[in-house]
PDB file of N, CA and C in Angstrom:
ATOM      1  N   MET A   1      99.709 103.770 104.962  1.00  0.00           N
ATOM      2  CA  MET A   1     100.096 104.758 103.966  1.00  0.00           C
ATOM      3  C   MET A   1      99.108 104.692 102.812  1.00  0.00           C
ATOM      4  N   ASN A   2      98.880 105.796 102.200  1.00  0.00           N
ATOM      5  CA  ASN A   2      97.915 105.878 101.110  1.00  0.00           C
ATOM      6  C   ASN A   2      98.448 105.149  99.881  1.00  0.00           C
ATOM      7  N   LYS A   3      97.794 104.065  99.503  1.00  0.00           N
ATOM      8  CA  LYS A   3      98.230 103.248  98.365  1.00  0.00           C
ATOM      9  C   LYS A   3      97.948 103.920  97.022  1.00  0.00           C
ATOM     10  N   ASN A   4      97.106 104.951  97.015  1.00  0.00           N
ATOM     11  CA  ASN A   4      96.760 105.633  95.766  1.00  0.00           C
ATOM     12  C   ASN A   4      97.811 106.642  95.320  1.00  0.00           C
ATOM     13  N   LEU A   5      98.792 106.922  96.183  1.00  0.00           N
ATOM     14  CA  LEU A   5      99.820 107.885  95.819  1.00  0.00           C
ATOM     15  C   LEU A   5     100.800 107.249  94.847  1.00  0.00           C
ATOM     16  N   LYS A   6     101.065 107.956  93.760  1.00  0.00           N
ATOM     17  CA  LYS A   6     102.059 107.494  92.795  1.00  0.00           C
ATOM     18  C   LYS A   6     103.436 107.754  93.388  1.00  0.00           C
ATOM     19  N   HIS A   7     104.300 106.747  93.381  1.00  0.00           N
ATOM     20  CA  HIS A   7     105.633 106.918  93.949  1.00  0.00           C
ATOM     21  C   HIS A   7     106.467 107.835  93.063  1.00  0.00           C
ATOM     22  N   ARG A   8     107.009 108.885  93.669  1.00  0.00           N
ATOM     23  CA  ARG A   8     107.916 109.793  92.978  1.00  0.00           C
ATOM     24  C   ARG A   8     109.079 110.081  93.916  1.00  0.00           C
ATOM     25  N   THR A   9     110.254 110.269  93.352  1.00  0.00           N
ATOM     26  CA  THR A   9     111.387 110.615  94.199  1.00  0.00           C
ATOM     27  C   THR A   9     111.239 112.045  94.687  1.00  0.00           C
ATOM     28  N   VAL A  10     111.945 112.357  95.760  1.00  0.00           N
ATOM     29  CA  VAL A  10     111.897 113.713  96.305  1.00  0.00           C
ATOM     30  C   VAL A  10     112.379 114.717  95.265  1.00  0.00           C
ATOM     31  N   ILE A  11     113.383 114.342  94.494  1.00  0.00           N
ATOM     32  CA  ILE A  11     113.896 115.249  93.462  1.00  0.00           C
ATOM     33  C   ILE A  11     112.829 115.523  92.411  1.00  0.00           C
ATOM     34  N   GLU A  12     112.095 114.506  92.010  1.00  0.00           N
ATOM     35  CA  GLU A  12     111.019 114.707  91.034  1.00  0.00           C
ATOM     36  C   GLU A  12     109.952 115.636  91.596  1.00  0.00           C
ATOM     37  N   ILE A  13     109.652 115.485  92.861  1.00  0.00           N
ATOM     38  CA  ILE A  13     108.627 116.305  93.503  1.00  0.00           C
ATOM     39  C   ILE A  13     109.113 117.745  93.654  1.00  0.00           C
ATOM     40  N   ALA A  14     110.369 117.918  94.007  1.00  0.00           N
ATOM     41  CA  ALA A  14     110.895 119.218  94.413  1.00  0.00           C
ATOM     42  C   ALA A  14     111.327 120.125  93.278  1.00  0.00           C
ATOM     43  N   ARG A  15     111.412 119.654  92.098  1.00  0.00           N
ATOM     44  CA  ARG A  15     111.950 120.472  91.001  1.00  0.00           C
ATOM     45  C   ARG A  15     111.247 121.825  90.898  1.00  0.00           C
ATOM     46  N   GLY A  16     111.910 122.847  91.451  1.00  0.00           N
ATOM     47  CA  GLY A  16     111.475 124.225  91.275  1.00  0.00           C
ATOM     48  C   GLY A  16     110.164 124.617  91.918  1.00  0.00           C
ATOM     49  N   ARG A  17     109.728 123.927  92.959  1.00  0.00           N
ATOM     50  CA  ARG A  17     108.477 124.353  93.581  1.00  0.00           C
ATOM     51  C   ARG A  17     108.403 123.929  95.046  1.00  0.00           C
ATOM     52  N   ASP A  18     107.457 124.505  95.738  1.00  0.00           N
ATOM     53  CA  ASP A  18     107.222 124.193  97.143  1.00  0.00           C
ATOM     54  C   ASP A  18     106.582 122.813  97.226  1.00  0.00           C
ATOM     55  N   ILE A  19     107.252 121.896  97.916  1.00  0.00           N
ATOM     56  CA  ILE A  19     106.741 120.521  97.965  1.00  0.00           C
ATOM     57  C   ILE A  19     105.875 120.251  99.193  1.00  0.00           C
ATOM     58  N   SER A  20     105.715 121.237 100.064  1.00  0.00           N
ATOM     59  CA  SER A  20     104.996 120.994 101.310  1.00  0.00           C
ATOM     60  C   SER A  20     103.529 120.618 101.105  1.00  0.00           C
ATOM     61  N   GLN A  21     102.942 120.994  99.975  1.00  0.00           N
ATOM     62  CA  GLN A  21     101.535 120.678  99.732  1.00  0.00           C
ATOM     63  C   GLN A  21     101.334 119.428  98.867  1.00  0.00           C
ATOM     64  N   GLU A  22     102.425 118.788  98.484  1.00  0.00           N
ATOM     65  CA  GLU A  22     102.318 117.558  97.695  1.00  0.00           C
ATOM     66  C   GLU A  22     101.711 116.450  98.551  1.00  0.00           C
ATOM     67  N   PRO A  23     100.904 115.565  97.953  1.00  0.00           N
ATOM     68  CA  PRO A  23     100.271 114.493  98.722  1.00  0.00           C
ATOM     69  C   PRO A  23     101.272 113.630  99.489  1.00  0.00           C
ATOM     70  N   GLU A  24     102.415 113.348  98.884  1.00  0.00           N
ATOM     71  CA  GLU A  24     103.419 112.520  99.559  1.00  0.00           C
ATOM     72  C   GLU A  24     103.946 113.206 100.816  1.00  0.00           C
ATOM     73  N   MET A  25     104.163 114.506 100.731  1.00  0.00           N
ATOM     74  CA  MET A  25     104.692 115.253 101.867  1.00  0.00           C
ATOM     75  C   MET A  25     103.635 115.397 102.961  1.00  0.00           C
ATOM     76  N   GLN A  26     102.403 115.576 102.565  1.00  0.00           N
ATOM     77  CA  GLN A  26     101.330 115.675 103.556  1.00  0.00           C
ATOM     78  C   GLN A  26     101.136 114.339 104.277  1.00  0.00           C
ATOM     79  N   GLU A  27     101.274 113.242 103.546  1.00  0.00           N
ATOM     80  CA  GLU A  27     101.177 111.913 104.161  1.00  0.00           C
ATOM     81  C   GLU A  27     102.320 111.713 105.153  1.00  0.00           C
ATOM     82  N   LEU A  28     103.530 112.110 104.772  1.00  0.00           N
ATOM     83  CA  LEU A  28     104.666 112.007 105.686  1.00  0.00           C
ATOM     84  C   LEU A  28     104.462 112.875 106.921  1.00  0.00           C
ATOM     85  N   ALA A  29     103.949 114.078 106.732  1.00  0.00           N
ATOM     86  CA  ALA A  29     103.690 114.972 107.861  1.00  0.00           C
ATOM     87  C   ALA A  29     102.665 114.356 108.811  1.00  0.00           C
ATOM     88  N   ARG A  30     101.629 113.751 108.256  1.00  0.00           N
ATOM     89  CA  ARG A  30     100.604 113.109 109.090  1.00  0.00           C
ATOM     90  C   ARG A  30     101.211 111.971 109.900  1.00  0.00           C
ATOM     91  N   LEU A  31     102.017 111.141 109.247  1.00  0.00           N
ATOM     92  CA  LEU A  31     102.669 110.030 109.942  1.00  0.00           C
ATOM     93  C   LEU A  31     103.602 110.545 111.033  1.00  0.00           C
ATOM     94  N   PHE A  32     104.380 111.566 110.704  1.00  0.00           N
ATOM     95  CA  PHE A  32     105.332 112.134 111.652  1.00  0.00           C
ATOM     96  C   PHE A  32     104.611 112.720 112.861  1.00  0.00           C
ATOM     97  N   ASP A  33     103.488 113.393 112.633  1.00  0.00           N
ATOM     98  CA  ASP A  33     102.715 113.983 113.729  1.00  0.00           C
ATOM     99  C   ASP A  33     102.195 112.929 114.696  1.00  0.00           C
ATOM    100  N   ASN A  34     101.960 111.721 114.204  1.00  0.00           N
ATOM    101  CA  ASN A  34     101.420 110.655 115.043  1.00  0.00           C
ATOM    102  C   ASN A  34     102.500 109.842 115.754  1.00  0.00           C
ATOM    103  N   MET A  35     103.765 110.174 115.530  1.00  0.00           N
ATOM    104  CA  MET A  35     104.863 109.451 116.173  1.00  0.00           C
ATOM    105  C   MET A  35     105.148 110.038 117.552  1.00  0.00           C
ATOM    106  N   THR A  36     105.701 109.181 118.411  1.00  0.00           N
ATOM    107  CA  THR A  36     106.194 109.676 119.693  1.00  0.00           C
ATOM    108  C   THR A  36     107.505 110.416 119.446  1.00  0.00           C
ATOM    109  N   ASP A  37     107.951 111.186 120.433  1.00  0.00           N
ATOM    110  CA  ASP A  37     109.226 111.899 120.289  1.00  0.00           C
ATOM    111  C   ASP A  37     110.375 110.929 120.038  1.00  0.00           C
ATOM    112  N   GLN A  38     110.346 109.783 120.707  1.00  0.00           N
ATOM    113  CA  GLN A  38     111.402 108.787 120.529  1.00  0.00           C
ATOM    114  C   GLN A  38     111.376 108.221 119.102  1.00  0.00           C
ATOM    115  N   GLU A  39     110.191 107.948 118.578  1.00  0.00           N
ATOM    116  CA  GLU A  39     110.074 107.453 117.201  1.00  0.00           C
ATOM    117  C   GLU A  39     110.563 108.502 116.202  1.00  0.00           C
ATOM    118  N   LYS A  40     110.227 109.757 116.450  1.00  0.00           N
ATOM    119  CA  LYS A  40     110.682 110.840 115.572  1.00  0.00           C
ATOM    120  C   LYS A  40     112.207 110.909 115.558  1.00  0.00           C
ATOM    121  N   GLU A  41     112.803 110.841 116.743  1.00  0.00           N
ATOM    122  CA  GLU A  41     114.262 110.917 116.848  1.00  0.00           C
ATOM    123  C   GLU A  41     114.927 109.763 116.103  1.00  0.00           C
ATOM    124  N   ARG A  42     114.430 108.546 116.311  1.00  0.00           N
ATOM    125  CA  ARG A  42     115.005 107.377 115.625  1.00  0.00           C
ATOM    126  C   ARG A  42     114.828 107.484 114.116  1.00  0.00           C
ATOM    127  N   THR A  43     113.677 107.958 113.677  1.00  0.00           N
ATOM    128  CA  THR A  43     113.413 108.103 112.241  1.00  0.00           C
ATOM    129  C   THR A  43     114.366 109.113 111.618  1.00  0.00           C
ATOM    130  N   LEU A  44     114.530 110.253 112.263  1.00  0.00           N
ATOM    131  CA  LEU A  44     115.436 111.275 111.735  1.00  0.00           C
ATOM    132  C   LEU A  44     116.880 110.784 111.724  1.00  0.00           C
ATOM    133  N   GLU A  45     117.292 110.056 112.761  1.00  0.00           N
ATOM    134  CA  GLU A  45     118.643 109.484 112.781  1.00  0.00           C
ATOM    135  C   GLU A  45     118.831 108.521 111.618  1.00  0.00           C
ATOM    136  N   HIS A  46     117.829 107.691 111.372  1.00  0.00           N
ATOM    137  CA  HIS A  46     117.905 106.723 110.269  1.00  0.00           C
ATOM    138  C   HIS A  46     117.980 107.440 108.919  1.00  0.00           C
ATOM    139  N   LEU A  47     117.157 108.465 108.736  1.00  0.00           N
ATOM    140  CA  LEU A  47     117.174 109.213 107.479  1.00  0.00           C
ATOM    141  C   LEU A  47     118.517 109.904 107.262  1.00  0.00           C
ATOM    142  N   ASN A  48     119.064 110.490 108.319  1.00  0.00           N
ATOM    143  CA  ASN A  48     120.372 111.139 108.205  1.00  0.00           C
ATOM    144  C   ASN A  48     121.447 110.129 107.842  1.00  0.00           C
ATOM    145  N   LYS A  49     121.406 108.961 108.470  1.00  0.00           N
ATOM    146  CA  LYS A  49     122.381 107.908 108.180  1.00  0.00           C
ATOM    147  C   LYS A  49     122.238 107.449 106.729  1.00  0.00           C
ATOM    148  N   SER A  50     121.015 107.281 106.262  1.00  0.00           N
ATOM    149  CA  SER A  50     120.772 106.858 104.881  1.00  0.00           C
ATOM    150  C   SER A  50     121.309 107.884 103.894  1.00  0.00           C
ATOM    151  N   GLU A  51     121.091 109.163 104.164  1.00  0.00           N
ATOM    152  CA  GLU A  51     121.580 110.224 103.281  1.00  0.00           C
ATOM    153  C   GLU A  51     123.102 110.239 103.249  1.00  0.00           C
ATOM    154  N   GLN A  52     123.731 110.028 104.401  1.00  0.00           N
ATOM    155  CA  GLN A  52     125.194 109.994 104.445  1.00  0.00           C
ATOM    156  C   GLN A  52     125.731 108.810 103.644  1.00  0.00           C
ATOM    157  N   GLU A  53     125.068 107.656 103.754  1.00  0.00           N
ATOM    158  CA  GLU A  53     125.490 106.475 102.997  1.00  0.00           C
ATOM    159  C   GLU A  53     125.330 106.705 101.496  1.00  0.00           C
ATOM    160  N   LYS A  54     124.233 107.321 101.087  1.00  0.00           N
ATOM    161  CA  LYS A  54     124.018 107.618  99.668  1.00  0.00           C
ATOM    162  C   LYS A  54     125.089 108.567  99.151  1.00  0.00           C
ATOM    163  N   ALA A  55     125.441 109.563  99.951  1.00  0.00           N
ATOM    164  CA  ALA A  55     126.474 110.521  99.545  1.00  0.00           C
ATOM    165  C   ALA A  55     127.814 109.814  99.378  1.00  0.00           C
ATOM    166  N   ARG A  56     128.137 108.910 100.303  1.00  0.00           N
ATOM    167  CA  ARG A  56     129.388 108.149 100.190  1.00  0.00           C
ATOM    168  C   ARG A  56     129.379 107.266  98.955  1.00  0.00           C
ATOM    169  N   GLU A  57     128.257 106.594  98.698  1.00  0.00           N
ATOM    170  CA  GLU A  57     128.151 105.723  97.525  1.00  0.00           C
ATOM    171  C   GLU A  57     128.306 106.529  96.240  1.00  0.00           C
ATOM    172  N   GLY A  58     127.709 107.703  96.191  1.00  0.00           N
ATOM    173  CA  GLY A  58     127.833 108.562  95.020  1.00  0.00           C
ATOM    174  C   GLY A  58     129.266 109.008  94.809  1.00  0.00           C
ATOM    175  N   LYS A  59     129.945 109.319  95.896  1.00  0.00           N
ATOM    176  CA  LYS A  59     131.339 109.741  95.812  1.00  0.00           C
ATOM    177  C   LYS A  59     132.199 108.591  95.310  1.00  0.00           C
ATOM    178  N   VAL A  60     131.974 107.388  95.821  1.00  0.00           N
ATOM    179  CA  VAL A  60     132.740 106.218  95.401  1.00  0.00           C
ATOM    180  C   VAL A  60     132.493 105.923  93.931  1.00  0.00           C
ATOM    181  N   SER A  61     131.243 105.976  93.480  1.00  0.00           N
ATOM    182  CA  SER A  61     130.943 105.665  92.081  1.00  0.00           C
ATOM    183  C   SER A  61     131.539 106.715  91.146  1.00  0.00           C
ATOM    184  N   ARG A  62     131.574 107.986  91.555  1.00  0.00           N
ATOM    185  CA  ARG A  62     132.193 109.028  90.733  1.00  0.00           C
ATOM    186  C   ARG A  62     133.704 108.837  90.660  1.00  0.00           C
ATOM    187  N   GLU A  63     134.307 108.335  91.737  1.00  0.00           N
ATOM    188  CA  GLU A  63     135.747 108.111  91.750  1.00  0.00           C
ATOM    189  C   GLU A  63     136.139 106.983  90.809  1.00  0.00           C
ATOM    190  N   HIS A  64     135.247 106.035  90.583  1.00  0.00           N
ATOM    191  CA  HIS A  64     135.537 104.893  89.724  1.00  0.00           C
ATOM    192  C   HIS A  64     135.292 105.178  88.250  1.00  0.00           C
ATOM    193  N   VAL A  65     134.748 106.336  87.949  1.00  0.00           N
ATOM    194  CA  VAL A  65     134.434 106.676  86.554  1.00  0.00           C
ATOM    195  C   VAL A  65     135.669 107.121  85.828  1.00  0.00           C
TER     196      VAL A  65
END
């Protein structure tokens, strides 16, 4: 992965604009293109699971407020 890229969250990148040309997104696209179909499937499953866990954590933290 390109070490020169400044780490930014997806939300920071996406605020009101097309993020497909951002360096971080292009790096992800390059990595994804080089994966096998099985690696792509596992990666997408992992990302979906992570997003679901984050949503649950956010819901739990809002309930405790």
